[in-house]
């Protein structure tokens, strides 16, 4: 039986860096299957890929409404220009190859496209990915921040959760760093499919379990490390449950938001009974680390 691959519409918005998080949130909420950000001297070009359907006109209207709301909140919007073009299935598959190249994230950690045939150097840990339409190649600052924090905190034998796994890049990296078990969750079936493919590609099927779930998975054991690269609002939504889901001394690593959101995220985590570690950032994006205090503290 012949199947027809879906067509996509490429929507590009030129905005000030302050508006990027809100615009990305709006694009994901209307069904964007992937977002690429290109830093320009004064602005950011945000490019999203939406399934081509009859709702496109309404989607564009929703984006314009969100831009107006951001401006009313006092954020600098920048040009706010929106352009769109149709992308054929074959062209869609090439978009990610143009954007995704070998990334040396941290000493000894390399993220490589599956089509590059990268030959690792001595001592390198190489994660091989084909992200498809799923988020997570190491090219975005928030992914790089999370990867470096995994290198810093994951220890051999740890139990790790990757919440909102996207392409599976964080879950696979945790497994390669020695985690004995990694639970990778997402509520997008497409992302789960991509994660499973990348798990097999990196031969970590024994360590990584892929689960469809909204935020934290149900598991009777607490995690040594929980990592998520999602929106600040989602981090805040699950903050209250984090203490009981972490081992004493366990770390919660989160990114996916800009530096302006750090205070709000930290406030939610502290109220949940976690102790903050100094935040880190790159290109205006931020990552926070919180720890469940050890027993008796």
C-alpha atoms as a PDB file:
ATOM      1  CA  UNK A   1       0.000   0.000   0.000  1.00  0.00           C
ATOM      2  CA  UNK A   2       1.428   3.358  -1.000  1.00  0.00           C
ATOM      3  CA  UNK A   3       1.731   5.965   1.762  1.00  0.00           C
ATOM      4  CA  UNK A   4       1.982   9.697   1.315  1.00  0.00           C
ATOM      5  CA  UNK A   5       4.589  11.529   3.364  1.00  0.00           C
ATOM      6  CA  UNK A   6       3.301  14.683   5.043  1.00  0.00           C
ATOM      7  CA  UNK A   7       4.187  18.099   3.707  1.00  0.00           C
ATOM      8  CA  UNK A   8       5.321  20.844   6.047  1.00  0.00           C
ATOM      9  CA  UNK A   9       5.172  24.609   6.182  1.00  0.00           C
ATOM     10  CA  UNK A  10       8.310  26.432   7.240  1.00  0.00           C
ATOM     11  CA  UNK A  11       7.396  29.459   9.364  1.00  0.00           C
ATOM     12  CA  UNK A  12      10.151  31.971  10.136  1.00  0.00           C
ATOM     13  CA  UNK A  13       9.849  34.777  12.696  1.00  0.00           C
ATOM     14  CA  UNK A  14      12.460  37.474  13.301  1.00  0.00           C
ATOM     15  CA  UNK A  15      12.416  38.633  16.939  1.00  0.00           C
ATOM     16  CA  UNK A  16      14.490  40.166  19.717  1.00  0.00           C
ATOM     17  CA  UNK A  17      16.267  37.584  21.956  1.00  0.00           C
ATOM     18  CA  UNK A  18      13.926  38.481  24.845  1.00  0.00           C
ATOM     19  CA  UNK A  19      10.939  37.151  22.882  1.00  0.00           C
ATOM     20  CA  UNK A  20      12.461  33.841  21.747  1.00  0.00           C
ATOM     21  CA  UNK A  21      11.183  31.720  24.634  1.00  0.00           C
ATOM     22  CA  UNK A  22       7.608  32.976  24.299  1.00  0.00           C
ATOM     23  CA  UNK A  23       7.617  32.566  20.524  1.00  0.00           C
ATOM     24  CA  UNK A  24       9.017  29.023  20.766  1.00  0.00           C
ATOM     25  CA  UNK A  25       6.360  28.159  23.343  1.00  0.00           C
ATOM     26  CA  UNK A  26       3.650  29.435  20.984  1.00  0.00           C
ATOM     27  CA  UNK A  27       5.038  27.468  18.047  1.00  0.00           C
ATOM     28  CA  UNK A  28       5.192  24.204  19.974  1.00  0.00           C
ATOM     29  CA  UNK A  29       1.649  24.768  21.266  1.00  0.00           C
ATOM     30  CA  UNK A  30       0.268  24.884  17.706  1.00  0.00           C
ATOM     31  CA  UNK A  31       2.009  21.703  16.631  1.00  0.00           C
ATOM     32  CA  UNK A  32       5.542  22.614  15.551  1.00  0.00           C
ATOM     33  CA  UNK A  33       7.523  19.415  15.071  1.00  0.00           C
ATOM     34  CA  UNK A  34      10.878  21.147  15.258  1.00  0.00           C
ATOM     35  CA  UNK A  35      12.356  24.592  15.871  1.00  0.00           C
ATOM     36  CA  UNK A  36      15.685  26.032  14.741  1.00  0.00           C
ATOM     37  CA  UNK A  37      17.135  29.279  16.128  1.00  0.00           C
ATOM     38  CA  UNK A  38      19.733  31.331  14.274  1.00  0.00           C
ATOM     39  CA  UNK A  39      21.471  34.093  16.201  1.00  0.00           C
ATOM     40  CA  UNK A  40      21.934  37.262  14.161  1.00  0.00           C
ATOM     41  CA  UNK A  41      23.827  40.396  15.272  1.00  0.00           C
ATOM     42  CA  UNK A  42      20.696  42.096  16.679  1.00  0.00           C
ATOM     43  CA  UNK A  43      17.886  39.557  16.452  1.00  0.00           C
ATOM     44  CA  UNK A  44      17.082  35.851  16.406  1.00  0.00           C
ATOM     45  CA  UNK A  45      15.583  34.055  13.425  1.00  0.00           C
ATOM     46  CA  UNK A  46      13.203  31.400  14.799  1.00  0.00           C
ATOM     47  CA  UNK A  47      12.227  28.801  12.202  1.00  0.00           C
ATOM     48  CA  UNK A  48       9.523  26.216  12.905  1.00  0.00           C
ATOM     49  CA  UNK A  49       8.089  23.376  10.863  1.00  0.00           C
ATOM     50  CA  UNK A  50       4.324  22.868  10.976  1.00  0.00           C
ATOM     51  CA  UNK A  51       2.362  20.092   9.283  1.00  0.00           C
ATOM     52  CA  UNK A  52       0.705  21.634   6.217  1.00  0.00           C
ATOM     53  CA  UNK A  53      -3.038  21.528   6.911  1.00  0.00           C
ATOM     54  CA  UNK A  54      -6.204  23.587   6.709  1.00  0.00           C
ATOM     55  CA  UNK A  55      -5.462  25.205  10.076  1.00  0.00           C
ATOM     56  CA  UNK A  56      -2.372  27.061   8.880  1.00  0.00           C
ATOM     57  CA  UNK A  57      -4.126  30.448   8.628  1.00  0.00           C
ATOM     58  CA  UNK A  58      -5.414  30.092  12.194  1.00  0.00           C
ATOM     59  CA  UNK A  59      -1.930  29.050  13.356  1.00  0.00           C
ATOM     60  CA  UNK A  60      -0.399  32.211  11.891  1.00  0.00           C
ATOM     61  CA  UNK A  61      -3.112  34.271  13.586  1.00  0.00           C
ATOM     62  CA  UNK A  62      -2.298  32.588  16.914  1.00  0.00           C
ATOM     63  CA  UNK A  63       1.385  33.443  16.484  1.00  0.00           C
ATOM     64  CA  UNK A  64       0.545  37.111  15.800  1.00  0.00           C
ATOM     65  CA  UNK A  65      -1.642  37.183  18.920  1.00  0.00           C
ATOM     66  CA  UNK A  66       1.171  35.734  21.013  1.00  0.00           C
ATOM     67  CA  UNK A  67       3.611  38.311  19.664  1.00  0.00           C
ATOM     68  CA  UNK A  68       1.209  41.058  20.677  1.00  0.00           C
ATOM     69  CA  UNK A  69       0.810  39.547  24.146  1.00  0.00           C
ATOM     70  CA  UNK A  70       4.581  39.400  24.627  1.00  0.00           C
ATOM     71  CA  UNK A  71       4.904  43.051  23.666  1.00  0.00           C
ATOM     72  CA  UNK A  72       2.169  44.000  26.141  1.00  0.00           C
ATOM     73  CA  UNK A  73       4.133  42.163  28.842  1.00  0.00           C
ATOM     74  CA  UNK A  74       6.979  44.590  28.264  1.00  0.00           C
ATOM     75  CA  UNK A  75       9.289  42.295  26.301  1.00  0.00           C
ATOM     76  CA  UNK A  76      11.222  43.732  23.398  1.00  0.00           C
ATOM     77  CA  UNK A  77       9.679  42.125  20.356  1.00  0.00           C
ATOM     78  CA  UNK A  78      12.028  43.234  17.600  1.00  0.00           C
ATOM     79  CA  UNK A  79      10.818  43.170  13.991  1.00  0.00           C
ATOM     80  CA  UNK A  80       8.240  40.416  14.616  1.00  0.00           C
ATOM     81  CA  UNK A  81       8.094  39.663  10.898  1.00  0.00           C
ATOM     82  CA  UNK A  82       6.589  36.315   9.852  1.00  0.00           C
ATOM     83  CA  UNK A  83       7.330  34.524   6.586  1.00  0.00           C
ATOM     84  CA  UNK A  84       6.236  31.089   5.429  1.00  0.00           C
ATOM     85  CA  UNK A  85       6.946  28.627   2.626  1.00  0.00           C
ATOM     86  CA  UNK A  86       5.936  25.084   1.751  1.00  0.00           C
ATOM     87  CA  UNK A  87       8.505  22.343   2.340  1.00  0.00           C
ATOM     88  CA  UNK A  88       8.208  19.050   0.429  1.00  0.00           C
ATOM     89  CA  UNK A  89       8.836  15.794   2.323  1.00  0.00           C
ATOM     90  CA  UNK A  90      12.201  15.238   0.659  1.00  0.00           C
ATOM     91  CA  UNK A  91      13.350  18.763   1.475  1.00  0.00           C
ATOM     92  CA  UNK A  92      12.130  18.368   5.077  1.00  0.00           C
ATOM     93  CA  UNK A  93      14.418  15.384   5.582  1.00  0.00           C
ATOM     94  CA  UNK A  94      17.383  17.467   4.435  1.00  0.00           C
ATOM     95  CA  UNK A  95      16.691  20.460   6.697  1.00  0.00           C
ATOM     96  CA  UNK A  96      18.139  18.744   9.762  1.00  0.00           C
ATOM     97  CA  UNK A  97      21.230  17.565   7.892  1.00  0.00           C
ATOM     98  CA  UNK A  98      22.024  21.179   7.036  1.00  0.00           C
ATOM     99  CA  UNK A  99      21.575  22.269  10.660  1.00  0.00           C
ATOM    100  CA  UNK A 100      23.206  19.310  12.418  1.00  0.00           C
ATOM    101  CA  UNK A 101      26.983  18.864  12.351  1.00  0.00           C
ATOM    102  CA  UNK A 102      29.518  17.185  14.637  1.00  0.00           C
ATOM    103  CA  UNK A 103      29.413  18.866  18.054  1.00  0.00           C
ATOM    104  CA  UNK A 104      32.222  18.671  20.614  1.00  0.00           C
ATOM    105  CA  UNK A 105      30.185  19.454  23.710  1.00  0.00           C
ATOM    106  CA  UNK A 106      32.616  18.840  26.555  1.00  0.00           C
ATOM    107  CA  UNK A 107      36.028  17.204  26.912  1.00  0.00           C
ATOM    108  CA  UNK A 108      35.552  13.645  25.696  1.00  0.00           C
ATOM    109  CA  UNK A 109      31.894  14.064  24.643  1.00  0.00           C
ATOM    110  CA  UNK A 110      31.002  14.295  20.945  1.00  0.00           C
ATOM    111  CA  UNK A 111      27.555  14.368  19.316  1.00  0.00           C
ATOM    112  CA  UNK A 112      27.692  13.184  15.700  1.00  0.00           C
ATOM    113  CA  UNK A 113      25.067  12.868  12.931  1.00  0.00           C
ATOM    114  CA  UNK A 114      24.372   9.298  11.881  1.00  0.00           C
ATOM    115  CA  UNK A 115      25.193  10.122   8.249  1.00  0.00           C
ATOM    116  CA  UNK A 116      28.673  11.552   8.965  1.00  0.00           C
ATOM    117  CA  UNK A 117      30.461   8.263   9.718  1.00  0.00           C
ATOM    118  CA  UNK A 118      32.460  10.033  12.448  1.00  0.00           C
ATOM    119  CA  UNK A 119      35.535   8.133  13.644  1.00  0.00           C
ATOM    120  CA  UNK A 120      36.083   8.688  17.378  1.00  0.00           C
ATOM    121  CA  UNK A 121      39.458   9.609  18.750  1.00  0.00           C
ATOM    122  CA  UNK A 122      40.946   7.771  21.703  1.00  0.00           C
ATOM    123  CA  UNK A 123      38.947   8.305  24.891  1.00  0.00           C
ATOM    124  CA  UNK A 124      35.977  10.003  23.204  1.00  0.00           C
ATOM    125  CA  UNK A 125      32.381   9.189  24.121  1.00  0.00           C
ATOM    126  CA  UNK A 126      30.410   9.577  20.873  1.00  0.00           C
ATOM    127  CA  UNK A 127      26.604   9.790  20.735  1.00  0.00           C
ATOM    128  CA  UNK A 128      25.365   9.139  17.190  1.00  0.00           C
ATOM    129  CA  UNK A 129      22.020  10.742  16.343  1.00  0.00           C
ATOM    130  CA  UNK A 130      19.468  11.102  13.613  1.00  0.00           C
ATOM    131  CA  UNK A 131      17.085  13.625  15.193  1.00  0.00           C
ATOM    132  CA  UNK A 132      14.425  13.569  12.481  1.00  0.00           C
ATOM    133  CA  UNK A 133      11.869  16.169  13.567  1.00  0.00           C
ATOM    134  CA  UNK A 134      12.574  15.726  17.272  1.00  0.00           C
ATOM    135  CA  UNK A 135      14.273  18.421  19.335  1.00  0.00           C
ATOM    136  CA  UNK A 136      17.812  17.760  20.504  1.00  0.00           C
ATOM    137  CA  UNK A 137      21.012  17.685  18.434  1.00  0.00           C
ATOM    138  CA  UNK A 138      23.441  19.536  20.683  1.00  0.00           C
ATOM    139  CA  UNK A 139      23.211  22.561  18.405  1.00  0.00           C
ATOM    140  CA  UNK A 140      20.983  24.526  20.774  1.00  0.00           C
ATOM    141  CA  UNK A 141      22.472  26.198  23.847  1.00  0.00           C
ATOM    142  CA  UNK A 142      20.002  24.562  26.244  1.00  0.00           C
ATOM    143  CA  UNK A 143      20.921  21.068  25.005  1.00  0.00           C
ATOM    144  CA  UNK A 144      24.630  21.819  25.356  1.00  0.00           C
ATOM    145  CA  UNK A 145      24.078  23.108  28.890  1.00  0.00           C
ATOM    146  CA  UNK A 146      22.225  19.941  29.894  1.00  0.00           C
ATOM    147  CA  UNK A 147      24.871  17.707  28.312  1.00  0.00           C
ATOM    148  CA  UNK A 148      27.696  19.414  30.183  1.00  0.00           C
ATOM    149  CA  UNK A 149      25.802  19.133  33.459  1.00  0.00           C
ATOM    150  CA  UNK A 150      25.221  15.422  32.830  1.00  0.00           C
ATOM    151  CA  UNK A 151      28.979  15.028  32.392  1.00  0.00           C
ATOM    152  CA  UNK A 152      29.445  16.797  35.718  1.00  0.00           C
ATOM    153  CA  UNK A 153      26.853  14.888  37.745  1.00  0.00           C
ATOM    154  CA  UNK A 154      26.067  11.435  36.318  1.00  0.00           C
ATOM    155  CA  UNK A 155      28.033   8.675  38.049  1.00  0.00           C
ATOM    156  CA  UNK A 156      28.376   4.998  37.096  1.00  0.00           C
ATOM    157  CA  UNK A 157      25.417   3.053  38.464  1.00  0.00           C
ATOM    158  CA  UNK A 158      23.032   6.022  38.676  1.00  0.00           C
ATOM    159  CA  UNK A 159      19.314   5.823  37.947  1.00  0.00           C
ATOM    160  CA  UNK A 160      18.442   8.728  35.628  1.00  0.00           C
ATOM    161  CA  UNK A 161      15.227  10.210  34.192  1.00  0.00           C
ATOM    162  CA  UNK A 162      15.180  12.259  30.988  1.00  0.00           C
ATOM    163  CA  UNK A 163      11.877  14.158  30.947  1.00  0.00           C
ATOM    164  CA  UNK A 164      10.762  15.347  27.500  1.00  0.00           C
ATOM    165  CA  UNK A 165      13.410  13.244  25.777  1.00  0.00           C
ATOM    166  CA  UNK A 166      12.939  14.568  22.219  1.00  0.00           C
ATOM    167  CA  UNK A 167      15.634  12.873  20.132  1.00  0.00           C
ATOM    168  CA  UNK A 168      16.918  10.918  23.145  1.00  0.00           C
ATOM    169  CA  UNK A 169      20.241  12.774  23.211  1.00  0.00           C
ATOM    170  CA  UNK A 170      20.278  13.322  26.990  1.00  0.00           C
ATOM    171  CA  UNK A 171      19.099   9.817  27.873  1.00  0.00           C
ATOM    172  CA  UNK A 172      21.670   8.184  25.588  1.00  0.00           C
ATOM    173  CA  UNK A 173      24.460  10.396  26.920  1.00  0.00           C
ATOM    174  CA  UNK A 174      23.552   9.483  30.509  1.00  0.00           C
ATOM    175  CA  UNK A 175      23.721   5.786  29.599  1.00  0.00           C
ATOM    176  CA  UNK A 176      27.116   6.233  27.939  1.00  0.00           C
ATOM    177  CA  UNK A 177      28.365   8.061  31.036  1.00  0.00           C
ATOM    178  CA  UNK A 178      27.652   4.925  33.054  1.00  0.00           C
ATOM    179  CA  UNK A 179      24.053   5.215  34.291  1.00  0.00           C
ATOM    180  CA  UNK A 180      22.765   1.705  34.997  1.00  0.00           C
ATOM    181  CA  UNK A 181      19.224   2.637  33.958  1.00  0.00           C
ATOM    182  CA  UNK A 182      17.700   5.651  32.207  1.00  0.00           C
ATOM    183  CA  UNK A 183      13.966   6.272  31.894  1.00  0.00           C
ATOM    184  CA  UNK A 184      13.289   8.521  28.875  1.00  0.00           C
ATOM    185  CA  UNK A 185       9.812  10.053  28.692  1.00  0.00           C
ATOM    186  CA  UNK A 186       7.883  12.203  26.250  1.00  0.00           C
ATOM    187  CA  UNK A 187       4.208  12.788  25.473  1.00  0.00           C
ATOM    188  CA  UNK A 188       4.873  13.012  21.718  1.00  0.00           C
ATOM    189  CA  UNK A 189       4.706   9.606  19.974  1.00  0.00           C
ATOM    190  CA  UNK A 190       6.900  10.942  17.178  1.00  0.00           C
ATOM    191  CA  UNK A 191       9.649  11.895  19.618  1.00  0.00           C
ATOM    192  CA  UNK A 192       9.399   8.496  21.318  1.00  0.00           C
ATOM    193  CA  UNK A 193       9.874   6.770  17.965  1.00  0.00           C
ATOM    194  CA  UNK A 194      12.969   8.861  17.210  1.00  0.00           C
ATOM    195  CA  UNK A 195      14.369   8.186  20.697  1.00  0.00           C
ATOM    196  CA  UNK A 196      13.913   4.419  20.301  1.00  0.00           C
ATOM    197  CA  UNK A 197      15.699   4.517  16.937  1.00  0.00           C
ATOM    198  CA  UNK A 198      18.618   6.470  18.402  1.00  0.00           C
ATOM    199  CA  UNK A 199      18.793   4.169  21.434  1.00  0.00           C
ATOM    200  CA  UNK A 200      19.206   1.198  19.096  1.00  0.00           C
ATOM    201  CA  UNK A 201      21.687   3.128  16.959  1.00  0.00           C
ATOM    202  CA  UNK A 202      23.890   3.681  20.034  1.00  0.00           C
ATOM    203  CA  UNK A 203      23.373   0.146  21.369  1.00  0.00           C
ATOM    204  CA  UNK A 204      22.076   1.212  24.782  1.00  0.00           C
ATOM    205  CA  UNK A 205      18.773  -0.704  24.662  1.00  0.00           C
ATOM    206  CA  UNK A 206      19.622  -2.465  27.929  1.00  0.00           C
ATOM    207  CA  UNK A 207      20.123   0.795  29.795  1.00  0.00           C
ATOM    208  CA  UNK A 208      17.513   3.150  28.286  1.00  0.00           C
ATOM    209  CA  UNK A 209      13.783   2.493  28.719  1.00  0.00           C
ATOM    210  CA  UNK A 210      11.523   4.712  26.580  1.00  0.00           C
ATOM    211  CA  UNK A 211       8.131   5.510  28.144  1.00  0.00           C
ATOM    212  CA  UNK A 212       5.192   7.644  27.011  1.00  0.00           C
ATOM    213  CA  UNK A 213       4.393   9.947  29.925  1.00  0.00           C
ATOM    214  CA  UNK A 214       3.526  13.524  30.791  1.00  0.00           C
ATOM    215  CA  UNK A 215       6.598  14.805  32.616  1.00  0.00           C
ATOM    216  CA  UNK A 216       7.881  12.472  35.357  1.00  0.00           C
ATOM    217  CA  UNK A 217       7.379   8.724  34.882  1.00  0.00           C
ATOM    218  CA  UNK A 218       5.751   6.528  37.499  1.00  0.00           C
ATOM    219  CA  UNK A 219       8.477   4.549  39.237  1.00  0.00           C
ATOM    220  CA  UNK A 220       8.706   3.204  42.763  1.00  0.00           C
ATOM    221  CA  UNK A 221      12.408   4.071  43.095  1.00  0.00           C
ATOM    222  CA  UNK A 222      13.783   7.617  43.366  1.00  0.00           C
ATOM    223  CA  UNK A 223      16.230   8.895  40.770  1.00  0.00           C
ATOM    224  CA  UNK A 224      19.830   9.940  41.318  1.00  0.00           C
ATOM    225  CA  UNK A 225      19.567  12.468  38.465  1.00  0.00           C
ATOM    226  CA  UNK A 226      16.546  13.952  36.709  1.00  0.00           C
ATOM    227  CA  UNK A 227      17.204  16.061  33.620  1.00  0.00           C
ATOM    228  CA  UNK A 228      14.748  18.005  31.488  1.00  0.00           C
ATOM    229  CA  UNK A 229      15.149  20.464  28.649  1.00  0.00           C
ATOM    230  CA  UNK A 230      11.651  21.915  28.492  1.00  0.00           C
ATOM    231  CA  UNK A 231       9.792  25.165  29.092  1.00  0.00           C
ATOM    232  CA  UNK A 232      10.045  26.989  32.428  1.00  0.00           C
ATOM    233  CA  UNK A 233       6.299  26.566  32.964  1.00  0.00           C
ATOM    234  CA  UNK A 234       6.625  22.774  32.773  1.00  0.00           C
ATOM    235  CA  UNK A 235       9.532  22.765  35.236  1.00  0.00           C
ATOM    236  CA  UNK A 236       7.418  24.780  37.669  1.00  0.00           C
ATOM    237  CA  UNK A 237       4.466  22.434  37.146  1.00  0.00           C
ATOM    238  CA  UNK A 238       6.397  19.394  38.298  1.00  0.00           C
ATOM    239  CA  UNK A 239       8.515  21.119  40.972  1.00  0.00           C
ATOM    240  CA  UNK A 240       6.344  20.068  43.925  1.00  0.00           C
ATOM    241  CA  UNK A 241       6.857  16.351  43.217  1.00  0.00           C
ATOM    242  CA  UNK A 242      10.629  16.486  42.709  1.00  0.00           C
ATOM    243  CA  UNK A 243      11.874  16.064  46.278  1.00  0.00           C
ATOM    244  CA  UNK A 244      10.206  12.676  46.709  1.00  0.00           C
ATOM    245  CA  UNK A 245      11.388  11.577  43.254  1.00  0.00           C
ATOM    246  CA  UNK A 246      15.076  12.226  44.018  1.00  0.00           C
ATOM    247  CA  UNK A 247      17.445  10.238  46.209  1.00  0.00           C
ATOM    248  CA  UNK A 248      19.052  12.174  49.109  1.00  0.00           C
ATOM    249  CA  UNK A 249      21.788  14.166  47.406  1.00  0.00           C
ATOM    250  CA  UNK A 250      20.162  13.584  44.011  1.00  0.00           C
ATOM    251  CA  UNK A 251      20.322  16.311  41.358  1.00  0.00           C
ATOM    252  CA  UNK A 252      17.632  17.906  39.216  1.00  0.00           C
ATOM    253  CA  UNK A 253      19.013  19.500  36.028  1.00  0.00           C
ATOM    254  CA  UNK A 254      16.738  21.736  33.970  1.00  0.00           C
ATOM    255  CA  UNK A 255      17.024  24.057  30.993  1.00  0.00           C
ATOM    256  CA  UNK A 256      14.893  25.168  28.064  1.00  0.00           C
ATOM    257  CA  UNK A 257      14.332  28.740  29.245  1.00  0.00           C
ATOM    258  CA  UNK A 258      16.104  32.073  29.127  1.00  0.00           C
ATOM    259  CA  UNK A 259      18.004  33.797  31.917  1.00  0.00           C
ATOM    260  CA  UNK A 260      15.013  36.018  32.729  1.00  0.00           C
ATOM    261  CA  UNK A 261      13.103  32.943  33.951  1.00  0.00           C
ATOM    262  CA  UNK A 262      15.784  31.695  36.370  1.00  0.00           C
ATOM    263  CA  UNK A 263      14.428  33.501  39.448  1.00  0.00           C
ATOM    264  CA  UNK A 264      10.922  32.097  38.929  1.00  0.00           C
ATOM    265  CA  UNK A 265      12.214  28.565  38.361  1.00  0.00           C
ATOM    266  CA  UNK A 266      14.516  28.695  41.387  1.00  0.00           C
ATOM    267  CA  UNK A 267      11.720  30.019  43.583  1.00  0.00           C
ATOM    268  CA  UNK A 268       9.525  27.026  42.686  1.00  0.00           C
ATOM    269  CA  UNK A 269      12.349  24.549  43.311  1.00  0.00           C
ATOM    270  CA  UNK A 270      13.287  26.057  46.682  1.00  0.00           C
ATOM    271  CA  UNK A 271       9.647  25.995  47.784  1.00  0.00           C
ATOM    272  CA  UNK A 272       9.633  22.304  46.847  1.00  0.00           C
ATOM    273  CA  UNK A 273      12.411  21.661  49.377  1.00  0.00           C
ATOM    274  CA  UNK A 274      15.416  21.554  47.054  1.00  0.00           C
ATOM    275  CA  UNK A 275      18.709  23.380  47.468  1.00  0.00           C
ATOM    276  CA  UNK A 276      19.936  25.388  44.498  1.00  0.00           C
ATOM    277  CA  UNK A 277      23.359  25.108  42.891  1.00  0.00           C
ATOM    278  CA  UNK A 278      24.636  28.118  40.949  1.00  0.00           C
ATOM    279  CA  UNK A 279      22.876  28.477  37.580  1.00  0.00           C
ATOM    280  CA  UNK A 280      24.825  28.493  34.342  1.00  0.00           C
ATOM    281  CA  UNK A 281      24.040  29.991  30.960  1.00  0.00           C
ATOM    282  CA  UNK A 282      24.965  30.396  27.319  1.00  0.00           C
ATOM    283  CA  UNK A 283      23.729  32.751  24.589  1.00  0.00           C
ATOM    284  CA  UNK A 284      21.052  34.153  26.895  1.00  0.00           C
ATOM    285  CA  UNK A 285      19.698  30.693  27.783  1.00  0.00           C
ATOM    286  CA  UNK A 286      19.962  29.252  31.273  1.00  0.00           C
ATOM    287  CA  UNK A 287      20.257  25.958  33.118  1.00  0.00           C
ATOM    288  CA  UNK A 288      19.587  25.361  36.806  1.00  0.00           C
ATOM    289  CA  UNK A 289      20.707  22.562  39.099  1.00  0.00           C
ATOM    290  CA  UNK A 290      18.870  21.759  42.316  1.00  0.00           C
ATOM    291  CA  UNK A 291      19.760  19.105  44.878  1.00  0.00           C
ATOM    292  CA  UNK A 292      17.687  17.192  47.384  1.00  0.00           C
ATOM    293  CA  UNK A 293      19.540  17.719  50.691  1.00  0.00           C
ATOM    294  CA  UNK A 294      21.181  14.665  52.200  1.00  0.00           C
ATOM    295  CA  UNK A 295      19.384  12.936  55.078  1.00  0.00           C
ATOM    296  CA  UNK A 296      19.422  15.002  58.265  1.00  0.00           C
ATOM    297  CA  UNK A 297      20.020  18.322  56.517  1.00  0.00           C
END
